[in-house]
Amino acid sequence: MKNKISLLLFTAGVIIVAMLRPLPVLAGDFKLIANSSLKADTISTEELKKIFLEESSSLSDGTHVEPVLESDGPVHQAFLQQCLGRTSDDLQTCYRALVFTGRGSMPKELSSDAGVVAYVARTRGAIGYVSIATSTQGVKTLTLSDSKFNPQRRVIRRIEPEYPETLRRLNISGTVRLRVTISARGNVEQVELLGGNPILGESAISAVRQWLYTAGHSRDLIEVSIPFDPRSKFFSGPASHPRQV
């Protein structure tokens, strides 16, 4: 009996420490959202950067997309730093140059997470970013991947992570960053946690190990960011299931 009580206390302590442990990602945690018309579930940082810098207006599958910005704040700053490698002033200078030369236009800019979600939901091809805690009903959440060697490797079988019940009840959310090694045949060989809540990380690792990517000519190493939102429809059930992408 004493052993069982000790085990329960130890487990509870591990969970509390994990939840209070500061995340090694940026303070302005965000997730990518897109209009439900997009077929893709994953987007590379290279592709995302081209879209928001208006170097491209379509995804690799030919789907037309429209970037949507937040006006300012920690989420906006985190997105600029982590995905674009630009400051807000740099980005505005870039857009003004595109407008001046006739090669682009100022993208839609909204002042709140709710505004971004509403606009993305009703605008075909729209892609934006919001706080991890924002409800994303009516839009889809995109997984961000950073391919170091081959940006053409894409997921063809994806299994959603199971949301840890204790964290879901406590409304604990966050983004997990993983380094994934993919074989030439497309199987996941290894998954390493780079950042995020370690309990959410365990769930993400368990799911990603079952993913299947398109075949390539060699082994590839990519980084994947998976947002956990207790209100997301992908975490409504107790088990994960294969989903064709």
Protein backbone atom coordinates (compact mmCIF):
# COMPACT_ATOMS: atom_id res chain seq x y z
CA MET A 1 0.00 0.00 0.00
CA LYS A 2 2.80 2.39 0.94
CA ASN A 3 4.57 1.58 -2.31
CA LYS A 4 1.45 2.43 -4.32
CA ILE A 5 0.99 5.75 -2.51
CA SER A 6 4.67 6.61 -3.06
CA LEU A 7 4.34 5.78 -6.75
CA LEU A 8 1.26 7.98 -7.11
CA LEU A 9 2.95 10.88 -5.34
CA PHE A 10 6.04 10.48 -7.50
CA THR A 11 3.95 10.44 -10.72
CA ALA A 12 2.00 13.52 -9.63
CA GLY A 13 5.26 15.29 -8.86
CA VAL A 14 6.69 14.48 -12.28
CA ILE A 15 3.57 15.86 -13.99
CA ILE A 16 3.63 19.08 -11.94
CA VAL A 17 7.33 19.64 -12.58
CA ALA A 18 6.86 19.00 -16.30
CA MET A 19 3.98 21.47 -16.49
CA LEU A 20 5.89 24.15 -14.61
CA ARG A 21 9.12 23.60 -16.48
CA PRO A 22 9.81 26.56 -18.81
CA LEU A 23 9.59 25.69 -22.46
CA PRO A 24 12.71 26.21 -24.57
CA VAL A 25 10.63 27.72 -27.35
CA LEU A 26 9.77 31.39 -27.72
CA ALA A 27 7.45 33.00 -25.19
CA GLY A 28 4.96 33.98 -27.88
CA ASP A 29 3.94 30.41 -28.71
CA PHE A 30 1.91 30.21 -31.92
CA LYS A 31 0.28 27.78 -34.31
CA LEU A 32 -0.26 28.00 -38.05
CA ILE A 33 -3.80 27.95 -39.37
CA ALA A 34 -5.24 27.71 -42.87
CA ASN A 35 -8.53 27.80 -44.70
CA SER A 36 -10.12 24.36 -44.85
CA SER A 37 -9.80 24.39 -48.67
CA LEU A 38 -6.06 23.63 -48.38
CA LYS A 39 -5.25 19.96 -48.92
CA ALA A 40 -1.87 20.15 -47.19
CA ASP A 41 -1.53 19.38 -43.47
CA THR A 42 2.20 20.14 -43.31
CA ILE A 43 4.20 23.09 -44.60
CA SER A 44 7.98 23.57 -44.58
CA THR A 45 9.59 26.69 -43.13
CA GLU A 46 11.14 27.36 -46.54
CA GLU A 47 7.75 27.27 -48.26
CA LEU A 48 6.13 29.36 -45.50
CA LYS A 49 8.86 31.99 -45.75
CA LYS A 50 8.40 32.31 -49.52
CA ILE A 51 4.66 32.81 -49.06
CA PHE A 52 4.92 35.51 -46.37
CA LEU A 53 7.74 37.33 -48.19
CA GLU A 54 5.57 37.16 -51.33
CA GLU A 55 8.20 35.27 -53.30
CA SER A 56 5.51 32.71 -54.12
CA SER A 57 1.71 32.74 -54.11
CA SER A 58 1.16 28.98 -54.21
CA LEU A 59 2.19 25.78 -52.42
CA SER A 60 4.24 23.03 -54.02
CA ASP A 61 1.00 21.27 -55.03
CA GLY A 62 -0.13 24.36 -56.96
CA THR A 63 -2.73 25.56 -54.42
CA HIS A 64 -3.05 29.36 -54.36
CA VAL A 65 -2.46 30.84 -50.89
CA GLU A 66 -2.76 34.24 -49.23
CA PRO A 67 -0.65 35.27 -46.21
CA VAL A 68 -2.44 36.89 -43.25
CA LEU A 69 -0.57 38.88 -40.60
CA GLU A 70 -1.23 40.00 -37.05
CA SER A 71 -0.53 43.67 -36.40
CA ASP A 72 1.83 43.24 -33.45
CA GLY A 73 2.36 41.47 -30.14
CA PRO A 74 4.37 38.48 -28.84
CA VAL A 75 2.76 35.99 -31.24
CA HIS A 76 3.58 38.20 -34.22
CA GLN A 77 7.16 38.72 -33.03
CA ALA A 78 7.64 34.99 -32.39
CA PHE A 79 6.40 34.13 -35.87
CA LEU A 80 8.69 36.69 -37.52
CA GLN A 81 11.74 35.53 -35.59
CA GLN A 82 11.15 31.78 -35.78
CA CYS A 83 9.75 31.46 -39.30
CA LEU A 84 10.90 34.47 -41.31
CA GLY A 85 14.08 35.56 -39.55
CA ARG A 86 12.95 39.18 -39.85
CA THR A 87 11.99 42.04 -37.56
CA SER A 88 8.69 43.84 -37.99
CA ASP A 89 10.47 46.85 -39.51
CA ASP A 90 12.38 44.62 -41.95
CA LEU A 91 9.14 42.98 -43.07
CA GLN A 92 7.36 46.30 -43.63
CA THR A 93 10.35 47.56 -45.65
CA CYS A 94 10.18 44.40 -47.77
CA TYR A 95 6.45 44.87 -48.44
CA ARG A 96 6.83 48.57 -49.29
CA ALA A 97 9.57 47.70 -51.81
CA LEU A 98 7.31 45.09 -53.43
CA VAL A 99 4.45 47.60 -53.68
CA PHE A 100 6.73 50.34 -55.04
CA THR A 101 8.11 48.07 -57.78
CA GLY A 102 4.71 46.60 -58.60
CA ARG A 103 5.84 43.07 -57.72
CA GLY A 104 3.54 42.63 -54.74
CA SER A 105 1.00 44.15 -52.39
CA MET A 106 0.49 44.70 -48.66
CA PRO A 107 -0.98 41.52 -47.15
CA LYS A 108 -4.07 41.49 -44.98
CA GLU A 109 -3.23 42.60 -41.44
CA LEU A 110 -5.54 42.06 -38.47
CA SER A 111 -5.34 43.23 -34.86
CA SER A 112 -6.35 40.07 -32.98
CA ASP A 113 -6.23 36.27 -32.98
CA ALA A 114 -10.01 36.16 -33.34
CA GLY A 115 -9.82 38.44 -36.36
CA VAL A 116 -7.20 36.24 -38.02
CA VAL A 117 -9.22 33.07 -37.40
CA ALA A 118 -12.41 34.66 -38.78
CA TYR A 119 -10.68 35.96 -41.91
CA VAL A 120 -8.82 32.70 -42.59
CA ALA A 121 -12.04 30.71 -42.11
CA ARG A 122 -13.91 32.65 -44.80
CA THR A 123 -11.03 33.27 -47.25
CA ARG A 124 -10.07 30.48 -49.61
CA GLY A 125 -6.33 29.75 -49.53
CA ALA A 126 -5.62 31.98 -46.51
CA ILE A 127 -2.77 31.09 -44.13
CA GLY A 128 -2.12 32.83 -40.82
CA TYR A 129 -0.84 32.35 -37.30
CA VAL A 130 -2.44 32.76 -33.86
CA SER A 131 -1.68 32.09 -30.20
CA ILE A 132 -1.54 28.43 -29.24
CA ALA A 133 -4.45 28.99 -26.83
CA THR A 134 -6.76 30.46 -29.48
CA SER A 135 -9.79 28.45 -30.56
CA THR A 136 -9.38 27.41 -34.19
CA GLN A 137 -12.89 26.23 -34.92
CA GLY A 138 -13.65 26.58 -38.62
CA VAL A 139 -10.02 26.42 -39.78
CA LYS A 140 -7.35 23.73 -40.00
CA THR A 141 -4.04 23.67 -38.11
CA LEU A 142 -0.86 23.13 -40.11
CA THR A 143 2.22 21.29 -38.88
CA LEU A 144 5.44 23.20 -39.50
CA SER A 145 8.42 21.19 -40.72
CA ASP A 146 11.95 22.35 -41.37
CA SER A 147 13.72 20.10 -43.86
CA LYS A 148 17.51 20.40 -43.70
CA PHE A 149 18.19 18.38 -46.82
CA ASN A 150 15.13 17.70 -48.95
CA PRO A 151 12.11 20.03 -48.71
CA GLN A 152 10.18 17.76 -51.08
CA ARG A 153 9.78 15.01 -48.48
CA ARG A 154 6.17 15.17 -47.36
CA VAL A 155 3.94 13.13 -45.07
CA ILE A 156 1.68 10.62 -46.82
CA ARG A 157 0.46 8.85 -43.67
CA ARG A 158 -0.04 10.89 -40.54
CA ILE A 159 -1.20 9.77 -37.11
CA GLU A 160 -2.37 12.45 -34.71
CA PRO A 161 -0.91 12.42 -31.17
CA GLU A 162 -3.06 11.38 -28.24
CA TYR A 163 -3.67 14.28 -25.87
CA PRO A 164 -2.59 13.33 -22.30
CA GLU A 165 -5.83 13.29 -20.32
CA THR A 166 -4.45 15.09 -17.26
CA LEU A 167 -3.07 17.97 -19.33
CA ARG A 168 -6.26 18.21 -21.36
CA ARG A 169 -8.40 18.45 -18.23
CA LEU A 170 -6.13 21.21 -16.93
CA ASN A 171 -6.31 22.96 -20.32
CA ILE A 172 -2.51 22.75 -20.72
CA SER A 173 -1.46 23.55 -24.29
CA GLY A 174 1.85 24.11 -26.05
CA THR A 175 3.98 23.41 -29.10
CA VAL A 176 6.38 20.47 -29.32
CA ARG A 177 9.44 20.63 -31.57
CA LEU A 178 10.94 17.39 -32.85
CA ARG A 179 13.93 16.36 -34.94
CA VAL A 180 12.91 13.48 -37.21
CA THR A 181 15.20 11.15 -39.14
CA ILE A 182 13.55 9.72 -42.28
CA SER A 183 14.90 6.76 -44.23
CA ALA A 184 15.21 6.79 -48.01
CA ARG A 185 12.10 4.56 -48.17
CA GLY A 186 10.08 7.10 -46.13
CA ASN A 187 9.93 5.36 -42.73
CA VAL A 188 10.68 7.33 -39.57
CA GLU A 189 13.88 5.94 -38.06
CA GLN A 190 14.36 8.23 -35.08
CA VAL A 191 12.55 11.07 -33.27
CA GLU A 192 14.22 13.45 -30.81
CA LEU A 193 12.52 16.07 -28.61
CA LEU A 194 14.02 19.53 -29.18
CA GLY A 195 11.61 21.66 -27.17
CA GLY A 196 8.25 21.79 -25.46
CA ASN A 197 6.42 20.15 -22.59
CA PRO A 198 8.04 16.70 -22.09
CA ILE A 199 4.70 14.97 -21.47
CA LEU A 200 3.24 16.37 -24.69
CA GLY A 201 6.56 15.47 -26.30
CA GLU A 202 6.18 11.79 -25.41
CA SER A 203 2.77 11.71 -27.07
CA ALA A 204 4.06 13.52 -30.17
CA ILE A 205 7.06 11.19 -30.48
CA SER A 206 4.84 8.10 -30.22
CA ALA A 207 2.65 9.39 -33.08
CA VAL A 208 5.43 10.67 -35.36
CA ARG A 209 7.26 7.33 -35.19
CA GLN A 210 4.30 5.92 -37.14
CA TRP A 211 4.31 8.59 -39.86
CA LEU A 212 5.26 7.69 -43.42
CA TYR A 213 6.95 10.11 -45.83
CA THR A 214 7.43 10.08 -49.59
CA ALA A 215 10.49 8.11 -50.71
CA GLY A 216 13.76 9.93 -51.37
CA HIS A 217 17.27 9.26 -52.59
CA SER A 218 18.87 9.34 -49.13
CA ARG A 219 18.20 9.61 -45.41
CA ASP A 220 16.83 13.06 -44.45
CA LEU A 221 16.70 15.03 -41.22
CA ILE A 222 13.80 17.43 -40.61
CA GLU A 223 12.39 19.45 -37.74
CA VAL A 224 8.65 19.30 -37.05
CA SER A 225 6.56 21.55 -34.78
CA ILE A 226 3.29 20.08 -33.47
CA PRO A 227 0.81 22.35 -31.63
CA PHE A 228 -1.29 20.81 -28.85
CA ASP A 229 -4.66 22.50 -28.28
CA PRO A 230 -7.20 20.76 -25.98
CA ARG A 231 -10.02 22.19 -28.10
CA SER A 232 -8.68 20.81 -31.37
CA LYS A 233 -10.86 18.22 -33.09
CA PHE A 234 -7.80 16.01 -33.69
CA PHE A 235 -7.46 15.44 -29.94
CA SER A 236 -11.10 14.63 -29.20
CA GLY A 237 -10.65 10.87 -28.88
CA PRO A 238 -8.54 8.67 -26.62
CA ALA A 239 -6.68 7.00 -29.47
CA SER A 240 -4.82 8.01 -32.62
CA HIS A 241 -5.73 6.75 -36.06
CA PRO A 242 -3.95 6.75 -39.44
CA ARG A 243 -4.90 9.62 -41.71
CA GLN A 244 -3.93 9.85 -45.36
CA VAL A 245 -2.50 13.23 -46.36
